Amino acid sequence: MPRKSVSSARGARAAVSARRTTRTIDFGDIPDASSEQLAAMRRVGRPPLGDAPRQLIAIRVDAAVLEQFRKEARRRRVGYQTLINEVLAHHVRTNVA
């Protein structure tokens, strides 16, 4: 008889867990927010900088390169992602047509 793979055993445990935690939550007793409460709420997350919000991306860089950016960012007291953006923006302004 073939052995079960680890992933199928993990899947069985996840299915049991899902069956155990499936409940219906009644939100009926929570009052609706008033217009004043909605107006007072603030947006969660980072505010957009400039005219257009920045684009979230994922890139892979060498560990040594990232560490150098982080060191320089600490020295300048800015975020390392801000520093990377500045370096890329400068390169595009001066080298890309």
PDB file of N, CA and C in Angstrom:
ATOM      1  N   MET A   1       0.834  -1.179   0.000  1.00  0.00           N
ATOM      2  CA  MET A   1       0.000   0.000   0.000  1.00  0.00           C
ATOM      3  C   MET A   1       0.883   1.247   0.000  1.00  0.00           C
ATOM      4  N   PRO A   2       0.643   2.205  -0.919  1.00  0.00           N
ATOM      5  CA  PRO A   2       1.495   3.395  -0.981  1.00  0.00           C
ATOM      6  C   PRO A   2       1.273   4.298   0.232  1.00  0.00           C
ATOM      7  N   ARG A   3       2.368   4.933   0.646  1.00  0.00           N
ATOM      8  CA  ARG A   3       2.285   5.862   1.777  1.00  0.00           C
ATOM      9  C   ARG A   3       1.633   7.161   1.343  1.00  0.00           C
ATOM     10  N   LYS A   4       0.918   7.799   2.259  1.00  0.00           N
ATOM     11  CA  LYS A   4       0.353   9.113   1.980  1.00  0.00           C
ATOM     12  C   LYS A   4       1.489  10.133   1.983  1.00  0.00           C
ATOM     13  N   SER A   5       1.409  11.079   1.098  1.00  0.00           N
ATOM     14  CA  SER A   5       2.433  12.115   1.095  1.00  0.00           C
ATOM     15  C   SER A   5       2.176  13.071   2.249  1.00  0.00           C
ATOM     16  N   VAL A   6       3.215  13.802   2.606  1.00  0.00           N
ATOM     17  CA  VAL A   6       3.096  14.762   3.697  1.00  0.00           C
ATOM     18  C   VAL A   6       2.055  15.821   3.359  1.00  0.00           C
ATOM     19  N   SER A   7       2.022  16.252   2.094  1.00  0.00           N
ATOM     20  CA  SER A   7       1.090  17.313   1.722  1.00  0.00           C
ATOM     21  C   SER A   7      -0.356  16.855   1.851  1.00  0.00           C
ATOM     22  N   SER A   8      -0.655  15.576   1.548  1.00  0.00           N
ATOM     23  CA  SER A   8      -2.032  15.106   1.689  1.00  0.00           C
ATOM     24  C   SER A   8      -2.403  14.986   3.160  1.00  0.00           C
ATOM     25  N   ALA A   9      -1.449  14.636   4.005  1.00  0.00           N
ATOM     26  CA  ALA A   9      -1.721  14.591   5.441  1.00  0.00           C
ATOM     27  C   ALA A   9      -1.983  15.990   5.961  1.00  0.00           C
ATOM     28  N   ARG A  10      -1.223  16.969   5.482  1.00  0.00           N
ATOM     29  CA  ARG A  10      -1.419  18.356   5.879  1.00  0.00           C
ATOM     30  C   ARG A  10      -2.784  18.847   5.404  1.00  0.00           C
ATOM     31  N   GLY A  11      -3.168  18.432   4.203  1.00  0.00           N
ATOM     32  CA  GLY A  11      -4.468  18.814   3.676  1.00  0.00           C
ATOM     33  C   GLY A  11      -5.605  18.254   4.504  1.00  0.00           C
ATOM     34  N   ALA A  12      -5.451  17.029   4.990  1.00  0.00           N
ATOM     35  CA  ALA A  12      -6.481  16.417   5.837  1.00  0.00           C
ATOM     36  C   ALA A  12      -6.610  17.183   7.149  1.00  0.00           C
ATOM     37  N   ARG A  13      -5.479  17.571   7.739  1.00  0.00           N
ATOM     38  CA  ARG A  13      -5.539  18.355   8.984  1.00  0.00           C
ATOM     39  C   ARG A  13      -6.196  19.709   8.747  1.00  0.00           C
ATOM     40  N   ALA A  14      -5.910  20.344   7.618  1.00  0.00           N
ATOM     41  CA  ALA A  14      -6.504  21.638   7.304  1.00  0.00           C
ATOM     42  C   ALA A  14      -8.005  21.511   7.111  1.00  0.00           C
ATOM     43  N   ALA A  15      -8.456  20.429   6.493  1.00  0.00           N
ATOM     44  CA  ALA A  15      -9.888  20.219   6.277  1.00  0.00           C
ATOM     45  C   ALA A  15     -10.604  20.034   7.605  1.00  0.00           C
ATOM     46  N   VAL A  16     -10.005  19.299   8.524  1.00  0.00           N
ATOM     47  CA  VAL A  16     -10.607  19.109   9.847  1.00  0.00           C
ATOM     48  C   VAL A  16     -10.687  20.446  10.567  1.00  0.00           C
ATOM     49  N   SER A  17      -9.632  21.224  10.486  1.00  0.00           N
ATOM     50  CA  SER A  17      -9.599  22.528  11.136  1.00  0.00           C
ATOM     51  C   SER A  17     -10.660  23.454  10.542  1.00  0.00           C
ATOM     52  N   ALA A  18     -10.827  23.425   9.232  1.00  0.00           N
ATOM     53  CA  ALA A  18     -11.817  24.283   8.572  1.00  0.00           C
ATOM     54  C   ALA A  18     -13.226  23.903   8.999  1.00  0.00           C
ATOM     55  N   ARG A  19     -13.493  22.626   9.119  1.00  0.00           N
ATOM     56  CA  ARG A  19     -14.826  22.194   9.555  1.00  0.00           C
ATOM     57  C   ARG A  19     -15.095  22.660  10.980  1.00  0.00           C
ATOM     58  N   ARG A  20     -14.076  22.657  11.801  1.00  0.00           N
ATOM     59  CA  ARG A  20     -14.235  23.009  13.208  1.00  0.00           C
ATOM     60  C   ARG A  20     -14.475  24.517  13.390  1.00  0.00           C
ATOM     61  N   THR A  21     -13.939  25.357  12.510  1.00  0.00           N
ATOM     62  CA  THR A  21     -14.002  26.801  12.713  1.00  0.00           C
ATOM     63  C   THR A  21     -15.053  27.494  11.863  1.00  0.00           C
ATOM     64  N   THR A  22     -15.859  26.767  11.116  1.00  0.00           N
ATOM     65  CA  THR A  22     -16.865  27.398  10.272  1.00  0.00           C
ATOM     66  C   THR A  22     -18.071  27.745  11.132  1.00  0.00           C
ATOM     67  N   ARG A  23     -18.218  29.037  11.409  1.00  0.00           N
ATOM     68  CA  ARG A  23     -19.341  29.533  12.196  1.00  0.00           C
ATOM     69  C   ARG A  23     -19.916  30.754  11.512  1.00  0.00           C
ATOM     70  N   THR A  24     -21.191  30.996  11.749  1.00  0.00           N
ATOM     71  CA  THR A  24     -21.819  32.195  11.220  1.00  0.00           C
ATOM     72  C   THR A  24     -21.804  33.257  12.302  1.00  0.00           C
ATOM     73  N   ILE A  25     -21.301  34.417  11.981  1.00  0.00           N
ATOM     74  CA  ILE A  25     -21.232  35.518  12.931  1.00  0.00           C
ATOM     75  C   ILE A  25     -22.409  36.443  12.660  1.00  0.00           C
ATOM     76  N   ASP A  26     -23.146  36.792  13.702  1.00  0.00           N
ATOM     77  CA  ASP A  26     -24.298  37.680  13.584  1.00  0.00           C
ATOM     78  C   ASP A  26     -23.836  39.113  13.834  1.00  0.00           C
ATOM     79  N   PHE A  27     -23.846  39.928  12.794  1.00  0.00           N
ATOM     80  CA  PHE A  27     -23.466  41.330  12.908  1.00  0.00           C
ATOM     81  C   PHE A  27     -24.689  42.222  13.102  1.00  0.00           C
ATOM     82  N   GLY A  28     -25.857  41.636  13.294  1.00  0.00           N
ATOM     83  CA  GLY A  28     -27.108  42.379  13.381  1.00  0.00           C
ATOM     84  C   GLY A  28     -27.178  43.344  14.537  1.00  0.00           C
ATOM     85  N   ASP A  29     -26.458  43.099  15.633  1.00  0.00           N
ATOM     86  CA  ASP A  29     -26.553  43.977  16.797  1.00  0.00           C
ATOM     87  C   ASP A  29     -25.582  45.151  16.741  1.00  0.00           C
ATOM     88  N   ILE A  30     -24.800  45.268  15.673  1.00  0.00           N
ATOM     89  CA  ILE A  30     -23.861  46.381  15.527  1.00  0.00           C
ATOM     90  C   ILE A  30     -24.584  47.518  14.810  1.00  0.00           C
ATOM     91  N   PRO A  31     -24.677  48.711  15.425  1.00  0.00           N
ATOM     92  CA  PRO A  31     -25.394  49.814  14.784  1.00  0.00           C
ATOM     93  C   PRO A  31     -24.628  50.343  13.570  1.00  0.00           C
ATOM     94  N   ASP A  32     -25.378  50.906  12.608  1.00  0.00           N
ATOM     95  CA  ASP A  32     -24.756  51.529  11.448  1.00  0.00           C
ATOM     96  C   ASP A  32     -24.001  52.780  11.884  1.00  0.00           C
ATOM     97  N   ALA A  33     -22.926  53.103  11.178  1.00  0.00           N
ATOM     98  CA  ALA A  33     -22.158  54.309  11.481  1.00  0.00           C
ATOM     99  C   ALA A  33     -22.916  55.534  10.973  1.00  0.00           C
ATOM    100  N   SER A  34     -22.874  56.596  11.762  1.00  0.00           N
ATOM    101  CA  SER A  34     -23.551  57.833  11.357  1.00  0.00           C
ATOM    102  C   SER A  34     -22.700  58.575  10.327  1.00  0.00           C
ATOM    103  N   SER A  35     -23.292  59.577   9.694  1.00  0.00           N
ATOM    104  CA  SER A  35     -22.561  60.390   8.707  1.00  0.00           C
ATOM    105  C   SER A  35     -21.364  61.068   9.352  1.00  0.00           C
ATOM    106  N   GLU A  36     -21.536  61.538  10.591  1.00  0.00           N
ATOM    107  CA  GLU A  36     -20.437  62.210  11.298  1.00  0.00           C
ATOM    108  C   GLU A  36     -19.303  61.230  11.587  1.00  0.00           C
ATOM    109  N   GLN A  37     -19.663  60.005  11.980  1.00  0.00           N
ATOM    110  CA  GLN A  37     -18.633  59.006  12.248  1.00  0.00           C
ATOM    111  C   GLN A  37     -17.879  58.640  10.974  1.00  0.00           C
ATOM    112  N   LEU A  38     -18.604  58.497   9.874  1.00  0.00           N
ATOM    113  CA  LEU A  38     -17.950  58.179   8.609  1.00  0.00           C
ATOM    114  C   LEU A  38     -17.042  59.318   8.162  1.00  0.00           C
ATOM    115  N   ALA A  39     -17.479  60.568   8.366  1.00  0.00           N
ATOM    116  CA  ALA A  39     -16.657  61.721   7.972  1.00  0.00           C
ATOM    117  C   ALA A  39     -15.397  61.824   8.824  1.00  0.00           C
ATOM    118  N   ALA A  40     -15.482  61.378  10.095  1.00  0.00           N
ATOM    119  CA  ALA A  40     -14.339  61.479  10.998  1.00  0.00           C
ATOM    120  C   ALA A  40     -13.316  60.373  10.779  1.00  0.00           C
ATOM    121  N   MET A  41     -13.695  59.315  10.081  1.00  0.00           N
ATOM    122  CA  MET A  41     -12.765  58.208   9.853  1.00  0.00           C
ATOM    123  C   MET A  41     -11.649  58.641   8.924  1.00  0.00           C
ATOM    124  N   ARG A  42     -10.488  58.069   9.163  1.00  0.00           N
ATOM    125  CA  ARG A  42      -9.363  58.382   8.291  1.00  0.00           C
ATOM    126  C   ARG A  42      -8.970  57.146   7.513  1.00  0.00           C
ATOM    127  N   ARG A  43      -8.341  57.371   6.378  1.00  0.00           N
ATOM    128  CA  ARG A  43      -7.895  56.283   5.520  1.00  0.00           C
ATOM    129  C   ARG A  43      -6.755  55.551   6.214  1.00  0.00           C
ATOM    130  N   VAL A  44      -6.771  54.238   6.130  1.00  0.00           N
ATOM    131  CA  VAL A  44      -5.714  53.419   6.715  1.00  0.00           C
ATOM    132  C   VAL A  44      -4.694  53.123   5.631  1.00  0.00           C
ATOM    133  N   GLY A  45      -3.428  53.158   5.983  1.00  0.00           N
ATOM    134  CA  GLY A  45      -2.373  52.868   5.020  1.00  0.00           C
ATOM    135  C   GLY A  45      -1.504  54.095   4.791  1.00  0.00           C
ATOM    136  N   ARG A  46      -0.556  53.941   3.927  1.00  0.00           N
ATOM    137  CA  ARG A  46       0.364  55.038   3.652  1.00  0.00           C
ATOM    138  C   ARG A  46      -0.312  56.077   2.780  1.00  0.00           C
ATOM    139  N   PRO A  47      -0.091  57.358   3.078  1.00  0.00           N
ATOM    140  CA  PRO A  47      -0.677  58.397   2.231  1.00  0.00           C
ATOM    141  C   PRO A  47       0.044  58.467   0.898  1.00  0.00           C
ATOM    142  N   PRO A  48      -0.658  58.825  -0.174  1.00  0.00           N
ATOM    143  CA  PRO A  48       0.024  58.975  -1.458  1.00  0.00           C
ATOM    144  C   PRO A  48       0.971  60.169  -1.410  1.00  0.00           C
ATOM    145  N   LEU A  49       2.133  60.035  -2.017  1.00  0.00           N
ATOM    146  CA  LEU A  49       3.105  61.122  -2.072  1.00  0.00           C
ATOM    147  C   LEU A  49       3.089  61.726  -3.471  1.00  0.00           C
ATOM    148  N   GLY A  50       2.947  63.023  -3.555  1.00  0.00           N
ATOM    149  CA  GLY A  50       2.925  63.675  -4.860  1.00  0.00           C
ATOM    150  C   GLY A  50       1.551  63.589  -5.497  1.00  0.00           C
ATOM    151  N   ASP A  51       1.522  63.823  -6.803  1.00  0.00           N
ATOM    152  CA  ASP A  51       0.257  63.842  -7.534  1.00  0.00           C
ATOM    153  C   ASP A  51      -0.345  62.453  -7.700  1.00  0.00           C
ATOM    154  N   ALA A  52       0.491  61.449  -7.837  1.00  0.00           N
ATOM    155  CA  ALA A  52       0.004  60.085  -8.056  1.00  0.00           C
ATOM    156  C   ALA A  52       0.580  59.180  -6.975  1.00  0.00           C
ATOM    157  N   PRO A  53      -0.196  58.231  -6.507  1.00  0.00           N
ATOM    158  CA  PRO A  53       0.348  57.307  -5.510  1.00  0.00           C
ATOM    159  C   PRO A  53       1.442  56.444  -6.123  1.00  0.00           C
ATOM    160  N   ARG A  54       2.362  56.021  -5.297  1.00  0.00           N
ATOM    161  CA  ARG A  54       3.444  55.163  -5.786  1.00  0.00           C
ATOM    162  C   ARG A  54       2.920  53.774  -6.067  1.00  0.00           C
ATOM    163  N   GLN A  55       3.576  53.099  -6.988  1.00  0.00           N
ATOM    164  CA  GLN A  55       3.184  51.755  -7.411  1.00  0.00           C
ATOM    165  C   GLN A  55       3.904  50.726  -6.556  1.00  0.00           C
ATOM    166  N   LEU A  56       3.166  49.809  -5.984  1.00  0.00           N
ATOM    167  CA  LEU A  56       3.753  48.732  -5.204  1.00  0.00           C
ATOM    168  C   LEU A  56       4.256  47.654  -6.156  1.00  0.00           C
ATOM    169  N   ILE A  57       5.542  47.288  -6.020  1.00  0.00           N
ATOM    170  CA  ILE A  57       6.134  46.235  -6.850  1.00  0.00           C
ATOM    171  C   ILE A  57       6.963  45.321  -5.958  1.00  0.00           C
ATOM    172  N   ALA A  58       7.386  44.234  -6.504  1.00  0.00           N
ATOM    173  CA  ALA A  58       8.316  43.340  -5.809  1.00  0.00           C
ATOM    174  C   ALA A  58       9.479  43.088  -6.759  1.00  0.00           C
ATOM    175  N   ILE A  59      10.695  43.338  -6.272  1.00  0.00           N
ATOM    176  CA  ILE A  59      11.887  43.071  -7.082  1.00  0.00           C
ATOM    177  C   ILE A  59      12.865  42.269  -6.232  1.00  0.00           C
ATOM    178  N   ARG A  60      13.763  41.594  -6.894  1.00  0.00           N
ATOM    179  CA  ARG A  60      14.807  40.854  -6.201  1.00  0.00           C
ATOM    180  C   ARG A  60      16.129  41.571  -6.436  1.00  0.00           C
ATOM    181  N   VAL A  61      16.818  41.858  -5.342  1.00  0.00           N
ATOM    182  CA  VAL A  61      18.129  42.494  -5.426  1.00  0.00           C
ATOM    183  C   VAL A  61      19.102  41.662  -4.596  1.00  0.00           C
ATOM    184  N   ASP A  62      20.385  41.797  -4.899  1.00  0.00           N
ATOM    185  CA  ASP A  62      21.409  41.097  -4.137  1.00  0.00           C
ATOM    186  C   ASP A  62      21.378  41.577  -2.680  1.00  0.00           C
ATOM    187  N   ALA A  63      21.641  40.673  -1.773  1.00  0.00           N
ATOM    188  CA  ALA A  63      21.628  40.996  -0.349  1.00  0.00           C
ATOM    189  C   ALA A  63      22.622  42.105  -0.020  1.00  0.00           C
ATOM    190  N   ALA A  64      23.779  42.079  -0.651  1.00  0.00           N
ATOM    191  CA  ALA A  64      24.800  43.098  -0.381  1.00  0.00           C
ATOM    192  C   ALA A  64      24.333  44.477  -0.854  1.00  0.00           C
ATOM    193  N   VAL A  65      23.654  44.519  -1.989  1.00  0.00           N
ATOM    194  CA  VAL A  65      23.135  45.789  -2.515  1.00  0.00           C
ATOM    195  C   VAL A  65      22.088  46.348  -1.555  1.00  0.00           C
ATOM    196  N   LEU A  66      21.185  45.499  -1.107  1.00  0.00           N
ATOM    197  CA  LEU A  66      20.140  45.934  -0.189  1.00  0.00           C
ATOM    198  C   LEU A  66      20.743  46.433   1.122  1.00  0.00           C
ATOM    199  N   GLU A  67      21.735  45.739   1.627  1.00  0.00           N
ATOM    200  CA  GLU A  67      22.377  46.158   2.878  1.00  0.00           C
ATOM    201  C   GLU A  67      23.045  47.517   2.718  1.00  0.00           C
ATOM    202  N   GLN A  68      23.678  47.765   1.582  1.00  0.00           N
ATOM    203  CA  GLN A  68      24.294  49.076   1.347  1.00  0.00           C
ATOM    204  C   GLN A  68      23.246  50.180   1.295  1.00  0.00           C
ATOM    205  N   PHE A  69      22.112  49.909   0.641  1.00  0.00           N
ATOM    206  CA  PHE A  69      21.033  50.898   0.614  1.00  0.00           C
ATOM    207  C   PHE A  69      20.513  51.166   2.026  1.00  0.00           C
ATOM    208  N   ARG A  70      20.377  50.122   2.823  1.00  0.00           N
ATOM    209  CA  ARG A  70      19.876  50.297   4.187  1.00  0.00           C
ATOM    210  C   ARG A  70      20.862  51.101   5.037  1.00  0.00           C
ATOM    211  N   LYS A  71      22.168  50.821   4.891  1.00  0.00           N
ATOM    212  CA  LYS A  71      23.175  51.581   5.628  1.00  0.00           C
ATOM    213  C   LYS A  71      23.141  53.050   5.244  1.00  0.00           C
ATOM    214  N   GLU A  72      23.113  53.308   3.941  1.00  0.00           N
ATOM    215  CA  GLU A  72      23.087  54.701   3.469  1.00  0.00           C
ATOM    216  C   GLU A  72      21.797  55.397   3.900  1.00  0.00           C
ATOM    217  N   ALA A  73      20.696  54.691   3.878  1.00  0.00           N
ATOM    218  CA  ALA A  73      19.418  55.271   4.297  1.00  0.00           C
ATOM    219  C   ALA A  73      19.459  55.633   5.785  1.00  0.00           C
ATOM    220  N   ARG A  74      20.039  54.763   6.612  1.00  0.00           N
ATOM    221  CA  ARG A  74      20.171  55.082   8.040  1.00  0.00           C
ATOM    222  C   ARG A  74      21.047  56.316   8.230  1.00  0.00           C
ATOM    223  N   ARG A  75      22.140  56.396   7.460  1.00  0.00           N
ATOM    224  CA  ARG A  75      23.036  57.546   7.565  1.00  0.00           C
ATOM    225  C   ARG A  75      22.311  58.843   7.214  1.00  0.00           C
ATOM    226  N   ARG A  76      21.466  58.783   6.170  1.00  0.00           N
ATOM    227  CA  ARG A  76      20.714  59.975   5.735  1.00  0.00           C
ATOM    228  C   ARG A  76      19.430  60.181   6.513  1.00  0.00           C
ATOM    229  N   ARG A  77      19.088  59.209   7.350  1.00  0.00           N
ATOM    230  CA  ARG A  77      17.847  59.236   8.133  1.00  0.00           C
ATOM    231  C   ARG A  77      16.607  59.312   7.241  1.00  0.00           C
ATOM    232  N   VAL A  78      16.588  58.433   6.243  1.00  0.00           N
ATOM    233  CA  VAL A  78      15.423  58.261   5.370  1.00  0.00           C
ATOM    234  C   VAL A  78      15.157  56.762   5.259  1.00  0.00           C
ATOM    235  N   GLY A  79      14.018  56.408   4.717  1.00  0.00           N
ATOM    236  CA  GLY A  79      13.723  55.007   4.495  1.00  0.00           C
ATOM    237  C   GLY A  79      14.531  54.470   3.322  1.00  0.00           C
ATOM    238  N   TYR A  80      14.880  53.199   3.390  1.00  0.00           N
ATOM    239  CA  TYR A  80      15.702  52.638   2.309  1.00  0.00           C
ATOM    240  C   TYR A  80      14.927  52.552   1.004  1.00  0.00           C
ATOM    241  N   GLN A  81      13.613  52.343   1.062  1.00  0.00           N
ATOM    242  CA  GLN A  81      12.823  52.307  -0.168  1.00  0.00           C
ATOM    243  C   GLN A  81      12.752  53.696  -0.800  1.00  0.00           C
ATOM    244  N   THR A  82      12.673  54.729   0.051  1.00  0.00           N
ATOM    245  CA  THR A  82      12.702  56.104  -0.446  1.00  0.00           C
ATOM    246  C   THR A  82      14.029  56.374  -1.141  1.00  0.00           C
ATOM    247  N   LEU A  83      15.114  55.910  -0.553  1.00  0.00           N
ATOM    248  CA  LEU A  83      16.437  56.101  -1.149  1.00  0.00           C
ATOM    249  C   LEU A  83      16.545  55.369  -2.481  1.00  0.00           C
ATOM    250  N   ILE A  84      16.059  54.135  -2.544  1.00  0.00           N
ATOM    251  CA  ILE A  84      16.084  53.394  -3.805  1.00  0.00           C
ATOM    252  C   ILE A  84      15.283  54.144  -4.860  1.00  0.00           C
ATOM    253  N   ASN A  85      14.120  54.680  -4.485  1.00  0.00           N
ATOM    254  CA  ASN A  85      13.298  55.447  -5.431  1.00  0.00           C
ATOM    255  C   ASN A  85      14.051  56.676  -5.935  1.00  0.00           C
ATOM    256  N   GLU A  86      14.737  57.386  -5.025  1.00  0.00           N
ATOM    257  CA  GLU A  86      15.501  58.570  -5.423  1.00  0.00           C
ATOM    258  C   GLU A  86      16.616  58.213  -6.401  1.00  0.00           C
ATOM    259  N   VAL A  87      17.336  57.124  -6.112  1.00  0.00           N
ATOM    260  CA  VAL A  87      18.428  56.698  -6.995  1.00  0.00           C
ATOM    261  C   VAL A  87      17.885  56.317  -8.370  1.00  0.00           C
ATOM    262  N   LEU A  88      16.800  55.557  -8.400  1.00  0.00           N
ATOM    263  CA  LEU A  88      16.202  55.170  -9.686  1.00  0.00           C
ATOM    264  C   LEU A  88      15.676  56.385 -10.446  1.00  0.00           C
ATOM    265  N   ALA A  89      15.031  57.308  -9.736  1.00  0.00           N
ATOM    266  CA  ALA A  89      14.498  58.513 -10.381  1.00  0.00           C
ATOM    267  C   ALA A  89      15.630  59.349 -10.977  1.00  0.00           C
ATOM    268  N   HIS A  90      16.726  59.483 -10.225  1.00  0.00           N
ATOM    269  CA  HIS A  90      17.880  60.233 -10.740  1.00  0.00           C
ATOM    270  C   HIS A  90      18.453  59.563 -11.989  1.00  0.00           C
ATOM    271  N   HIS A  91      18.573  58.244 -11.943  1.00  0.00           N
ATOM    272  CA  HIS A  91      19.095  57.511 -13.096  1.00  0.00           C
ATOM    273  C   HIS A  91      18.193  57.707 -14.316  1.00  0.00           C
ATOM    274  N   VAL A  92      16.906  57.623 -14.124  1.00  0.00           N
ATOM    275  CA  VAL A  92      15.972  57.785 -15.252  1.00  0.00           C
ATOM    276  C   VAL A  92      16.058  59.200 -15.814  1.00  0.00           C
ATOM    277  N   ARG A  93      16.135  60.212 -14.922  1.00  0.00           N
ATOM    278  CA  ARG A  93      16.216  61.613 -15.388  1.00  0.00           C
ATOM    279  C   ARG A  93      17.484  61.871 -16.193  1.00  0.00           C
ATOM    280  N   THR A  94      18.611  61.281 -15.762  1.00  0.00           N
ATOM    281  CA  THR A  94      19.886  61.600 -16.394  1.00  0.00           C
ATOM    282  C   THR A  94      20.298  60.653 -17.510  1.00  0.00           C
ATOM    283  N   ASN A  95      19.803  59.417 -17.518  1.00  0.00           N
ATOM    284  CA  ASN A  95      20.306  58.422 -18.462  1.00  0.00           C
ATOM    285  C   ASN A  95      19.288  57.850 -19.418  1.00  0.00           C
ATOM    286  N   VAL A  96      18.018  58.018 -19.149  1.00  0.00           N
ATOM    287  CA  VAL A  96      16.995  57.406 -19.995  1.00  0.00           C
ATOM    288  C   VAL A  96      16.312  58.501 -20.799  1.00  0.00           C
ATOM    289  N   ALA A  97      16.249  58.272 -22.098  1.00  0.00           N
ATOM    290  CA  ALA A  97      15.658  59.289 -22.983  1.00  0.00           C
ATOM    291  C   ALA A  97      14.163  59.271 -22.952  1.00  0.00           C
TER     292      ALA A  97
END
